[in-house]
PDB file of N, CA and C in Angstrom:
ATOM      1  N   UNK A   1      25.378  46.997  41.640  1.00  0.00           N
ATOM      2  CA  UNK A   1      24.072  47.324  41.072  1.00  0.00           C
ATOM      3  C   UNK A   1      23.979  48.837  40.865  1.00  0.00           C
ATOM      4  N   UNK A   2      23.261  49.201  39.833  1.00  0.00           N
ATOM      5  CA  UNK A   2      23.092  50.602  39.463  1.00  0.00           C
ATOM      6  C   UNK A   2      21.605  50.944  39.476  1.00  0.00           C
ATOM      7  N   UNK A   3      21.295  52.190  39.806  1.00  0.00           N
ATOM      8  CA  UNK A   3      19.912  52.655  39.782  1.00  0.00           C
ATOM      9  C   UNK A   3      19.584  53.233  38.413  1.00  0.00           C
ATOM     10  N   UNK A   4      18.358  52.947  37.967  1.00  0.00           N
ATOM     11  CA  UNK A   4      17.854  53.435  36.689  1.00  0.00           C
ATOM     12  C   UNK A   4      16.469  54.019  36.913  1.00  0.00           C
ATOM     13  N   UNK A   5      16.112  54.986  36.085  1.00  0.00           N
ATOM     14  CA  UNK A   5      14.746  55.510  36.113  1.00  0.00           C
ATOM     15  C   UNK A   5      14.035  55.019  34.860  1.00  0.00           C
ATOM     16  N   UNK A   6      12.810  54.577  35.049  1.00  0.00           N
ATOM     17  CA  UNK A   6      11.929  54.259  33.937  1.00  0.00           C
ATOM     18  C   UNK A   6      10.985  55.446  33.790  1.00  0.00           C
ATOM     19  N   UNK A   7      11.021  56.097  32.655  1.00  0.00           N
ATOM     20  CA  UNK A   7      10.079  57.168  32.348  1.00  0.00           C
ATOM     21  C   UNK A   7       9.039  56.586  31.404  1.00  0.00           C
ATOM     22  N   UNK A   8       7.791  56.599  31.834  1.00  0.00           N
ATOM     23  CA  UNK A   8       6.721  56.016  31.043  1.00  0.00           C
ATOM     24  C   UNK A   8       6.136  57.094  30.151  1.00  0.00           C
ATOM     25  N   UNK A   9       6.239  56.895  28.839  1.00  0.00           N
ATOM     26  CA  UNK A   9       5.816  57.897  27.862  1.00  0.00           C
ATOM     27  C   UNK A   9       4.674  57.380  26.994  1.00  0.00           C
ATOM     28  N   UNK A  10       3.717  58.283  26.747  1.00  0.00           N
ATOM     29  CA  UNK A  10       2.646  57.993  25.809  1.00  0.00           C
ATOM     30  C   UNK A  10       1.680  56.930  26.296  1.00  0.00           C
ATOM     31  N   UNK A  11       1.067  56.256  25.350  1.00  0.00           N
ATOM     32  CA  UNK A  11       0.048  55.261  25.659  1.00  0.00           C
ATOM     33  C   UNK A  11      -1.334  55.856  25.448  1.00  0.00           C
ATOM     34  N   UNK A  12      -2.243  55.047  24.971  1.00  0.00           N
ATOM     35  CA  UNK A  12      -3.610  55.495  24.678  1.00  0.00           C
ATOM     36  C   UNK A  12      -4.461  55.476  25.938  1.00  0.00           C
ATOM     37  N   UNK A  13      -5.344  56.430  26.064  1.00  0.00           N
ATOM     38  CA  UNK A  13      -6.326  56.449  27.159  1.00  0.00           C
ATOM     39  C   UNK A  13      -7.373  55.384  26.861  1.00  0.00           C
ATOM     40  N   UNK A  14      -8.029  54.888  27.896  1.00  0.00           N
ATOM     41  CA  UNK A  14      -8.989  53.814  27.697  1.00  0.00           C
ATOM     42  C   UNK A  14     -10.239  54.038  28.537  1.00  0.00           C
ATOM     43  N   UNK A  15     -11.190  53.130  28.401  1.00  0.00           N
ATOM     44  CA  UNK A  15     -12.425  53.195  29.175  1.00  0.00           C
ATOM     45  C   UNK A  15     -12.112  52.859  30.634  1.00  0.00           C
ATOM     46  N   UNK A  16     -13.025  53.208  31.550  1.00  0.00           N
ATOM     47  CA  UNK A  16     -12.796  52.872  32.961  1.00  0.00           C
ATOM     48  C   UNK A  16     -12.573  51.370  33.188  1.00  0.00           C
ATOM     49  N   UNK A  17     -13.288  50.543  32.442  1.00  0.00           N
ATOM     50  CA  UNK A  17     -13.127  49.095  32.600  1.00  0.00           C
ATOM     51  C   UNK A  17     -11.727  48.652  32.153  1.00  0.00           C
ATOM     52  N   UNK A  18     -11.296  49.192  31.014  1.00  0.00           N
ATOM     53  CA  UNK A  18      -9.963  48.860  30.519  1.00  0.00           C
ATOM     54  C   UNK A  18      -8.884  49.382  31.469  1.00  0.00           C
ATOM     55  N   UNK A  19      -9.126  50.565  32.034  1.00  0.00           N
ATOM     56  CA  UNK A  19      -8.166  51.132  32.975  1.00  0.00           C
ATOM     57  C   UNK A  19      -8.007  50.239  34.195  1.00  0.00           C
ATOM     58  N   UNK A  20      -9.095  49.668  34.667  1.00  0.00           N
ATOM     59  CA  UNK A  20      -9.059  48.753  35.817  1.00  0.00           C
ATOM     60  C   UNK A  20      -8.195  47.534  35.495  1.00  0.00           C
ATOM     61  N   UNK A  21      -8.405  46.947  34.323  1.00  0.00           N
ATOM     62  CA  UNK A  21      -7.609  45.794  33.907  1.00  0.00           C
ATOM     63  C   UNK A  21      -6.144  46.167  33.741  1.00  0.00           C
ATOM     64  N   UNK A  22      -5.903  47.333  33.155  1.00  0.00           N
ATOM     65  CA  UNK A  22      -4.536  47.789  32.945  1.00  0.00           C
ATOM     66  C   UNK A  22      -3.834  48.015  34.277  1.00  0.00           C
ATOM     67  N   UNK A  23      -4.529  48.615  35.246  1.00  0.00           N
ATOM     68  CA  UNK A  23      -3.931  48.846  36.566  1.00  0.00           C
ATOM     69  C   UNK A  23      -3.545  47.535  37.232  1.00  0.00           C
ATOM     70  N   UNK A  24      -4.362  46.508  37.068  1.00  0.00           N
ATOM     71  CA  UNK A  24      -4.030  45.200  37.630  1.00  0.00           C
ATOM     72  C   UNK A  24      -2.759  44.650  36.986  1.00  0.00           C
ATOM     73  N   UNK A  25      -2.609  44.852  35.668  1.00  0.00           N
ATOM     74  CA  UNK A  25      -1.392  44.407  34.980  1.00  0.00           C
ATOM     75  C   UNK A  25      -0.172  45.167  35.492  1.00  0.00           C
ATOM     76  N   UNK A  26      -0.333  46.495  35.665  1.00  0.00           N
ATOM     77  CA  UNK A  26       0.773  47.307  36.174  1.00  0.00           C
ATOM     78  C   UNK A  26       1.181  46.832  37.571  1.00  0.00           C
ATOM     79  N   UNK A  27       0.194  46.606  38.429  1.00  0.00           N
ATOM     80  CA  UNK A  27       0.494  46.176  39.802  1.00  0.00           C
ATOM     81  C   UNK A  27       1.203  44.822  39.805  1.00  0.00           C
ATOM     82  N   UNK A  28       0.755  43.908  38.950  1.00  0.00           N
ATOM     83  CA  UNK A  28       1.403  42.600  38.859  1.00  0.00           C
ATOM     84  C   UNK A  28       2.829  42.698  38.355  1.00  0.00           C
ATOM     85  N   UNK A  29       3.041  43.532  37.330  1.00  0.00           N
ATOM     86  CA  UNK A  29       4.382  43.700  36.777  1.00  0.00           C
ATOM     87  C   UNK A  29       5.318  44.318  37.813  1.00  0.00           C
ATOM     88  N   UNK A  30       4.849  45.340  38.506  1.00  0.00           N
ATOM     89  CA  UNK A  30       5.689  45.989  39.518  1.00  0.00           C
ATOM     90  C   UNK A  30       5.947  45.069  40.702  1.00  0.00           C
ATOM     91  N   UNK A  31       4.961  44.297  41.083  1.00  0.00           N
ATOM     92  CA  UNK A  31       5.170  43.354  42.183  1.00  0.00           C
ATOM     93  C   UNK A  31       6.220  42.323  41.796  1.00  0.00           C
ATOM     94  N   UNK A  32       6.223  41.891  40.530  1.00  0.00           N
ATOM     95  CA  UNK A  32       7.253  40.970  40.054  1.00  0.00           C
ATOM     96  C   UNK A  32       8.642  41.587  40.149  1.00  0.00           C
ATOM     97  N   UNK A  33       8.780  42.853  39.766  1.00  0.00           N
ATOM     98  CA  UNK A  33      10.070  43.548  39.899  1.00  0.00           C
ATOM     99  C   UNK A  33      10.475  43.664  41.363  1.00  0.00           C
ATOM    100  N   UNK A  34       9.501  43.997  42.212  1.00  0.00           N
ATOM    101  CA  UNK A  34       9.779  44.137  43.653  1.00  0.00           C
ATOM    102  C   UNK A  34      10.211  42.797  44.253  1.00  0.00           C
ATOM    103  N   UNK A  35       9.514  41.727  43.907  1.00  0.00           N
ATOM    104  CA  UNK A  35       9.819  40.408  44.464  1.00  0.00           C
ATOM    105  C   UNK A  35      11.222  39.937  44.097  1.00  0.00           C
ATOM    106  N   UNK A  36      11.713  40.369  42.929  1.00  0.00           N
ATOM    107  CA  UNK A  36      13.058  39.986  42.484  1.00  0.00           C
ATOM    108  C   UNK A  36      14.124  40.986  42.937  1.00  0.00           C
ATOM    109  N   UNK A  37      13.711  41.997  43.720  1.00  0.00           N
ATOM    110  CA  UNK A  37      14.655  42.967  44.251  1.00  0.00           C
ATOM    111  C   UNK A  37      15.059  44.073  43.292  1.00  0.00           C
ATOM    112  N   UNK A  38      14.296  44.279  42.212  1.00  0.00           N
ATOM    113  CA  UNK A  38      14.654  45.296  41.230  1.00  0.00           C
ATOM    114  C   UNK A  38      13.935  46.630  41.430  1.00  0.00           C
ATOM    115  N   UNK A  39      12.725  46.621  41.966  1.00  0.00           N
ATOM    116  CA  UNK A  39      11.973  47.866  42.131  1.00  0.00           C
ATOM    117  C   UNK A  39      12.407  48.541  43.416  1.00  0.00           C
ATOM    118  N   UNK A  40      13.031  49.701  43.276  1.00  0.00           N
ATOM    119  CA  UNK A  40      13.488  50.462  44.421  1.00  0.00           C
ATOM    120  C   UNK A  40      12.397  51.394  44.911  1.00  0.00           C
ATOM    121  N   UNK A  41      11.767  52.055  43.975  1.00  0.00           N
ATOM    122  CA  UNK A  41      10.777  53.046  44.333  1.00  0.00           C
ATOM    123  C   UNK A  41       9.891  53.266  43.120  1.00  0.00           C
ATOM    124  N   UNK A  42       8.632  53.399  43.325  1.00  0.00           N
ATOM    125  CA  UNK A  42       7.888  53.836  42.195  1.00  0.00           C
ATOM    126  C   UNK A  42       6.634  53.143  41.827  1.00  0.00           C
ATOM    127  N   UNK A  43       6.379  53.527  40.599  1.00  0.00           N
ATOM    128  CA  UNK A  43       5.083  53.359  40.054  1.00  0.00           C
ATOM    129  C   UNK A  43       4.325  54.633  40.363  1.00  0.00           C
ATOM    130  N   UNK A  44       4.974  55.759  40.144  1.00  0.00           N
ATOM    131  CA  UNK A  44       4.338  57.035  40.407  1.00  0.00           C
ATOM    132  C   UNK A  44       3.738  57.617  39.138  1.00  0.00           C
ATOM    133  N   UNK A  45       2.410  57.627  39.032  1.00  0.00           N
ATOM    134  CA  UNK A  45       1.787  58.289  37.887  1.00  0.00           C
ATOM    135  C   UNK A  45       1.828  59.798  38.110  1.00  0.00           C
ATOM    136  N   UNK A  46       1.839  60.540  37.031  1.00  0.00           N
ATOM    137  CA  UNK A  46       1.849  61.996  37.106  1.00  0.00           C
ATOM    138  C   UNK A  46       0.507  62.545  36.643  1.00  0.00           C
ATOM    139  N   UNK A  47       0.092  63.654  37.235  1.00  0.00           N
ATOM    140  CA  UNK A  47      -1.122  64.342  36.791  1.00  0.00           C
ATOM    141  C   UNK A  47      -0.897  64.856  35.369  1.00  0.00           C
ATOM    142  N   UNK A  48      -1.970  65.083  34.642  1.00  0.00           N
ATOM    143  CA  UNK A  48      -1.858  65.562  33.269  1.00  0.00           C
ATOM    144  C   UNK A  48      -1.591  67.064  33.189  1.00  0.00           C
ATOM    145  N   UNK A  49      -1.777  67.786  34.276  1.00  0.00           N
ATOM    146  CA  UNK A  49      -1.553  69.223  34.268  1.00  0.00           C
ATOM    147  C   UNK A  49      -0.159  69.535  34.800  1.00  0.00           C
ATOM    148  N   UNK A  50       0.289  70.740  34.578  1.00  0.00           N
ATOM    149  CA  UNK A  50       1.578  71.167  35.095  1.00  0.00           C
ATOM    150  C   UNK A  50       1.970  72.501  34.507  1.00  0.00           C
ATOM    151  N   UNK A  51       3.187  72.900  34.743  1.00  0.00           N
ATOM    152  CA  UNK A  51       3.746  74.138  34.217  1.00  0.00           C
ATOM    153  C   UNK A  51       5.094  73.823  33.593  1.00  0.00           C
ATOM    154  N   UNK A  52       5.464  74.607  32.601  1.00  0.00           N
ATOM    155  CA  UNK A  52       6.780  74.518  32.002  1.00  0.00           C
ATOM    156  C   UNK A  52       7.487  75.814  32.342  1.00  0.00           C
ATOM    157  N   UNK A  53       8.658  75.718  32.977  1.00  0.00           N
ATOM    158  CA  UNK A  53       9.421  76.889  33.374  1.00  0.00           C
ATOM    159  C   UNK A  53      10.690  76.937  32.550  1.00  0.00           C
ATOM    160  N   UNK A  54      10.893  78.038  31.847  1.00  0.00           N
ATOM    161  CA  UNK A  54      12.116  78.256  31.077  1.00  0.00           C
ATOM    162  C   UNK A  54      12.888  79.329  31.808  1.00  0.00           C
ATOM    163  N   UNK A  55      14.143  79.041  32.103  1.00  0.00           N
ATOM    164  CA  UNK A  55      14.922  79.891  32.996  1.00  0.00           C
ATOM    165  C   UNK A  55      15.634  81.046  32.346  1.00  0.00           C
ATOM    166  N   UNK A  56      16.771  81.324  32.881  1.00  0.00           N
ATOM    167  CA  UNK A  56      17.586  82.517  32.658  1.00  0.00           C
ATOM    168  C   UNK A  56      17.664  82.941  31.206  1.00  0.00           C
ATOM    169  N   UNK A  57      17.815  84.224  30.898  1.00  0.00           N
ATOM    170  CA  UNK A  57      17.932  85.306  31.869  1.00  0.00           C
ATOM    171  C   UNK A  57      16.593  85.757  32.436  1.00  0.00           C
ATOM    172  N   UNK A  58      15.501  85.486  31.749  1.00  0.00           N
ATOM    173  CA  UNK A  58      14.184  85.818  32.295  1.00  0.00           C
ATOM    174  C   UNK A  58      13.394  84.530  32.440  1.00  0.00           C
ATOM    175  N   UNK A  59      12.920  84.272  33.643  1.00  0.00           N
ATOM    176  CA  UNK A  59      12.114  83.067  33.862  1.00  0.00           C
ATOM    177  C   UNK A  59      10.746  83.243  33.214  1.00  0.00           C
ATOM    178  N   UNK A  60      10.326  82.255  32.453  1.00  0.00           N
ATOM    179  CA  UNK A  60       9.028  82.272  31.796  1.00  0.00           C
ATOM    180  C   UNK A  60       8.293  81.005  32.199  1.00  0.00           C
ATOM    181  N   UNK A  61       7.078  81.168  32.700  1.00  0.00           N
ATOM    182  CA  UNK A  61       6.259  80.025  33.098  1.00  0.00           C
ATOM    183  C   UNK A  61       5.025  79.975  32.214  1.00  0.00           C
ATOM    184  N   UNK A  62       4.764  78.810  31.637  1.00  0.00           N
ATOM    185  CA  UNK A  62       3.592  78.634  30.795  1.00  0.00           C
ATOM    186  C   UNK A  62       2.831  77.394  31.239  1.00  0.00           C
ATOM    187  N   UNK A  63       1.571  77.324  30.850  1.00  0.00           N
ATOM    188  CA  UNK A  63       0.806  76.114  31.121  1.00  0.00           C
ATOM    189  C   UNK A  63       1.409  74.983  30.318  1.00  0.00           C
ATOM    190  N   UNK A  64       1.237  73.785  30.802  1.00  0.00           N
ATOM    191  CA  UNK A  64       1.785  72.646  30.092  1.00  0.00           C
ATOM    192  C   UNK A  64       1.651  71.426  30.957  1.00  0.00           C
ATOM    193  N   UNK A  65       2.280  70.346  30.672  1.00  0.00           N
ATOM    194  CA  UNK A  65       3.170  70.154  29.532  1.00  0.00           C
ATOM    195  C   UNK A  65       2.382  69.949  28.251  1.00  0.00           C
ATOM    196  N   UNK A  66       2.788  70.628  27.201  1.00  0.00           N
ATOM    197  CA  UNK A  66       2.155  70.443  25.905  1.00  0.00           C
ATOM    198  C   UNK A  66       3.179  69.853  24.960  1.00  0.00           C
ATOM    199  N   UNK A  67       2.960  68.653  24.595  1.00  0.00           N
ATOM    200  CA  UNK A  67       3.816  67.936  23.655  1.00  0.00           C
ATOM    201  C   UNK A  67       2.921  66.927  22.965  1.00  0.00           C
ATOM    202  N   UNK A  68       3.448  66.267  21.978  1.00  0.00           N
ATOM    203  CA  UNK A  68       2.679  65.195  21.365  1.00  0.00           C
ATOM    204  C   UNK A  68       2.442  64.126  22.419  1.00  0.00           C
ATOM    205  N   UNK A  69       1.298  63.488  22.368  1.00  0.00           N
ATOM    206  CA  UNK A  69       0.930  62.495  23.366  1.00  0.00           C
ATOM    207  C   UNK A  69       2.020  61.461  23.569  1.00  0.00           C
ATOM    208  N   UNK A  70       2.668  61.034  22.504  1.00  0.00           N
ATOM    209  CA  UNK A  70       3.700  60.005  22.614  1.00  0.00           C
ATOM    210  C   UNK A  70       4.914  60.480  23.400  1.00  0.00           C
ATOM    211  N   UNK A  71       5.074  61.798  23.571  1.00  0.00           N
ATOM    212  CA  UNK A  71       6.234  62.342  24.260  1.00  0.00           C
ATOM    213  C   UNK A  71       5.979  62.692  25.722  1.00  0.00           C
ATOM    214  N   UNK A  72       4.731  62.732  26.137  1.00  0.00           N
ATOM    215  CA  UNK A  72       4.411  63.142  27.499  1.00  0.00           C
ATOM    216  C   UNK A  72       4.795  62.048  28.486  1.00  0.00           C
ATOM    217  N   UNK A  73       5.532  62.434  29.531  1.00  0.00           N
ATOM    218  CA  UNK A  73       5.893  61.499  30.596  1.00  0.00           C
ATOM    219  C   UNK A  73       4.692  61.371  31.517  1.00  0.00           C
ATOM    220  N   UNK A  74       4.176  60.147  31.644  1.00  0.00           N
ATOM    221  CA  UNK A  74       2.992  59.912  32.453  1.00  0.00           C
ATOM    222  C   UNK A  74       3.291  59.357  33.828  1.00  0.00           C
ATOM    223  N   UNK A  75       4.547  58.971  34.075  1.00  0.00           N
ATOM    224  CA  UNK A  75       4.922  58.426  35.373  1.00  0.00           C
ATOM    225  C   UNK A  75       6.348  57.930  35.333  1.00  0.00           C
ATOM    226  N   UNK A  76       6.799  57.418  36.494  1.00  0.00           N
ATOM    227  CA  UNK A  76       8.166  56.926  36.567  1.00  0.00           C
ATOM    228  C   UNK A  76       8.317  55.907  37.690  1.00  0.00           C
ATOM    229  N   UNK A  77       9.388  55.140  37.605  1.00  0.00           N
ATOM    230  CA  UNK A  77       9.800  54.196  38.651  1.00  0.00           C
ATOM    231  C   UNK A  77      11.314  54.225  38.737  1.00  0.00           C
ATOM    232  N   UNK A  78      11.841  53.831  39.883  1.00  0.00           N
ATOM    233  CA  UNK A  78      13.280  53.672  40.062  1.00  0.00           C
ATOM    234  C   UNK A  78      13.539  52.180  40.244  1.00  0.00           C
ATOM    235  N   UNK A  79      14.424  51.629  39.425  1.00  0.00           N
ATOM    236  CA  UNK A  79      14.777  50.216  39.518  1.00  0.00           C
ATOM    237  C   UNK A  79      16.283  50.083  39.693  1.00  0.00           C
ATOM    238  N   UNK A  80      16.698  48.932  40.128  1.00  0.00           N
ATOM    239  CA  UNK A  80      18.112  48.632  40.244  1.00  0.00           C
ATOM    240  C   UNK A  80      18.413  47.418  39.366  1.00  0.00           C
ATOM    241  N   UNK A  81      19.531  47.478  38.682  1.00  0.00           N
ATOM    242  CA  UNK A  81      19.934  46.396  37.780  1.00  0.00           C
ATOM    243  C   UNK A  81      21.455  46.420  37.674  1.00  0.00           C
ATOM    244  N   UNK A  82      22.026  45.321  37.154  1.00  0.00           N
ATOM    245  CA  UNK A  82      23.491  45.270  37.062  1.00  0.00           C
ATOM    246  C   UNK A  82      24.033  46.206  35.992  1.00  0.00           C
ATOM    247  N   UNK A  83      23.236  46.459  34.926  1.00  0.00           N
ATOM    248  CA  UNK A  83      23.687  47.349  33.858  1.00  0.00           C
ATOM    249  C   UNK A  83      22.483  47.780  33.019  1.00  0.00           C
ATOM    250  N   UNK A  84      22.749  48.640  32.049  1.00  0.00           N
ATOM    251  CA  UNK A  84      21.683  49.173  31.197  1.00  0.00           C
ATOM    252  C   UNK A  84      20.979  48.071  30.412  1.00  0.00           C
ATOM    253  N   UNK A  85      21.731  47.072  29.991  1.00  0.00           N
ATOM    254  CA  UNK A  85      21.125  45.966  29.242  1.00  0.00           C
ATOM    255  C   UNK A  85      20.094  45.232  30.097  1.00  0.00           C
ATOM    256  N   UNK A  86      20.429  44.954  31.359  1.00  0.00           N
ATOM    257  CA  UNK A  86      19.482  44.261  32.230  1.00  0.00           C
ATOM    258  C   UNK A  86      18.285  45.157  32.540  1.00  0.00           C
ATOM    259  N   UNK A  87      18.529  46.436  32.801  1.00  0.00           N
ATOM    260  CA  UNK A  87      17.430  47.358  33.086  1.00  0.00           C
ATOM    261  C   UNK A  87      16.482  47.438  31.893  1.00  0.00           C
ATOM    262  N   UNK A  88      17.028  47.466  30.697  1.00  0.00           N
ATOM    263  CA  UNK A  88      16.196  47.500  29.485  1.00  0.00           C
ATOM    264  C   UNK A  88      15.389  46.220  29.342  1.00  0.00           C
ATOM    265  N   UNK A  89      16.018  45.097  29.597  1.00  0.00           N
ATOM    266  CA  UNK A  89      15.333  43.809  29.507  1.00  0.00           C
ATOM    267  C   UNK A  89      14.195  43.727  30.523  1.00  0.00           C
ATOM    268  N   UNK A  90      14.421  44.211  31.744  1.00  0.00           N
ATOM    269  CA  UNK A  90      13.384  44.188  32.778  1.00  0.00           C
ATOM    270  C   UNK A  90      12.176  45.036  32.395  1.00  0.00           C
ATOM    271  N   UNK A  91      12.402  46.093  31.629  1.00  0.00           N
ATOM    272  CA  UNK A  91      11.298  46.982  31.244  1.00  0.00           C
ATOM    273  C   UNK A  91      10.380  46.345  30.204  1.00  0.00           C
ATOM    274  N   UNK A  92      10.823  45.293  29.551  1.00  0.00           N
ATOM    275  CA  UNK A  92      10.072  44.722  28.437  1.00  0.00           C
ATOM    276  C   UNK A  92       8.724  44.131  28.834  1.00  0.00           C
ATOM    277  N   UNK A  93       8.502  43.881  30.114  1.00  0.00           N
ATOM    278  CA  UNK A  93       7.207  43.367  30.550  1.00  0.00           C
ATOM    279  C   UNK A  93       6.207  44.456  30.895  1.00  0.00           C
ATOM    280  N   UNK A  94       6.577  45.710  30.701  1.00  0.00           N
ATOM    281  CA  UNK A  94       5.720  46.832  31.102  1.00  0.00           C
ATOM    282  C   UNK A  94       4.413  46.855  30.312  1.00  0.00           C
ATOM    283  N   UNK A  95       3.287  46.994  31.004  1.00  0.00           N
ATOM    284  CA  UNK A  95       1.992  47.039  30.330  1.00  0.00           C
ATOM    285  C   UNK A  95       1.789  48.241  29.410  1.00  0.00           C
ATOM    286  N   UNK A  96       2.614  49.271  29.498  1.00  0.00           N
ATOM    287  CA  UNK A  96       2.428  50.447  28.643  1.00  0.00           C
ATOM    288  C   UNK A  96       2.582  50.104  27.171  1.00  0.00           C
ATOM    289  N   UNK A  97       3.327  49.055  26.872  1.00  0.00           N
ATOM    290  CA  UNK A  97       3.529  48.667  25.473  1.00  0.00           C
ATOM    291  C   UNK A  97       2.226  48.222  24.816  1.00  0.00           C
ATOM    292  N   UNK A  98       1.295  47.697  25.619  1.00  0.00           N
ATOM    293  CA  UNK A  98       0.010  47.239  25.088  1.00  0.00           C
ATOM    294  C   UNK A  98      -0.849  48.395  24.584  1.00  0.00           C
ATOM    295  N   UNK A  99      -0.557  49.607  25.055  1.00  0.00           N
ATOM    296  CA  UNK A  99      -1.355  50.765  24.636  1.00  0.00           C
ATOM    297  C   UNK A  99      -0.549  51.723  23.749  1.00  0.00           C
ATOM    298  N   UNK A 100       0.560  51.238  23.193  1.00  0.00           N
ATOM    299  CA  UNK A 100       1.337  52.050  22.271  1.00  0.00           C
ATOM    300  C   UNK A 100       2.329  52.993  22.917  1.00  0.00           C
ATOM    301  N   UNK A 101       2.535  52.875  24.223  1.00  0.00           N
ATOM    302  CA  UNK A 101       3.494  53.723  24.919  1.00  0.00           C
ATOM    303  C   UNK A 101       4.893  53.146  24.887  1.00  0.00           C
ATOM    304  N   UNK A 102       5.802  53.810  25.562  1.00  0.00           N
ATOM    305  CA  UNK A 102       7.172  53.329  25.624  1.00  0.00           C
ATOM    306  C   UNK A 102       7.771  53.610  26.990  1.00  0.00           C
ATOM    307  N   UNK A 103       8.879  52.940  27.269  1.00  0.00           N
ATOM    308  CA  UNK A 103       9.622  53.139  28.507  1.00  0.00           C
ATOM    309  C   UNK A 103      11.000  53.669  28.132  1.00  0.00           C
ATOM    310  N   UNK A 104      11.321  54.848  28.649  1.00  0.00           N
ATOM    311  CA  UNK A 104      12.667  55.384  28.484  1.00  0.00           C
ATOM    312  C   UNK A 104      13.463  54.927  29.699  1.00  0.00           C
ATOM    313  N   UNK A 105      14.556  54.219  29.470  1.00  0.00           N
ATOM    314  CA  UNK A 105      15.386  53.676  30.550  1.00  0.00           C
ATOM    315  C   UNK A 105      16.649  54.515  30.626  1.00  0.00           C
ATOM    316  N   UNK A 106      16.888  55.146  31.784  1.00  0.00           N
ATOM    317  CA  UNK A 106      18.040  56.024  31.932  1.00  0.00           C
ATOM    318  C   UNK A 106      18.784  55.698  33.222  1.00  0.00           C
ATOM    319  N   UNK A 107      20.116  55.577  33.164  1.00  0.00           N
ATOM    320  CA  UNK A 107      20.891  55.419  34.399  1.00  0.00           C
ATOM    321  C   UNK A 107      20.820  56.700  35.226  1.00  0.00           C
ATOM    322  N   UNK A 108      20.780  56.539  36.529  1.00  0.00           N
ATOM    323  CA  UNK A 108      20.794  57.694  37.432  1.00  0.00           C
ATOM    324  C   UNK A 108      22.244  57.959  37.816  1.00  0.00           C
ATOM    325  N   UNK A 109      22.709  59.150  37.514  1.00  0.00           N
ATOM    326  CA  UNK A 109      24.106  59.494  37.764  1.00  0.00           C
ATOM    327  C   UNK A 109      24.345  59.618  39.277  1.00  0.00           C
ATOM    328  N   UNK A 110      25.418  59.005  39.731  1.00  0.00           N
ATOM    329  CA  UNK A 110      25.815  59.123  41.135  1.00  0.00           C
ATOM    330  C   UNK A 110      26.662  60.368  41.279  1.00  0.00           C
ATOM    331  N   UNK A 111      26.276  61.198  42.245  1.00  0.00           N
ATOM    332  CA  UNK A 111      27.016  62.420  42.503  1.00  0.00           C
ATOM    333  C   UNK A 111      27.668  62.288  43.881  1.00  0.00           C
ATOM    334  N   UNK A 112      28.917  62.671  43.959  1.00  0.00           N
ATOM    335  CA  UNK A 112      29.631  62.452  45.202  1.00  0.00           C
ATOM    336  C   UNK A 112      29.971  60.981  45.327  1.00  0.00           C
ATOM    337  N   UNK A 113      30.265  60.411  46.276  1.00  0.00           N
ATOM    338  CA  UNK A 113      30.458  58.962  46.383  1.00  0.00           C
ATOM    339  C   UNK A 113      30.966  58.666  47.683  1.00  0.00           C
TER     340      UNK A 113
END
């Protein structure tokens, strides 16, 4: 089994009532992944504020993240799957698709061994 990160990008903001319903869908979807042994860690939403640091030779820090809404990472999870195809298939039930968002599925590189 290999570890993958799901980066949740974009998605439309909604009313408090819609957010409540959406959160229930997210919890159900993640519980399904957990029950099948795929969810390792996560369902971590990120705050909308932050800083962007550009490094060497001179470090520059600016307010951010500023990108198009569809590109902003709003959260992440760590899942385990046999390969990228299975990890991608598991992501297809994610509630973010209902609000126009997407899931970026990336293998986590093993360092050392």
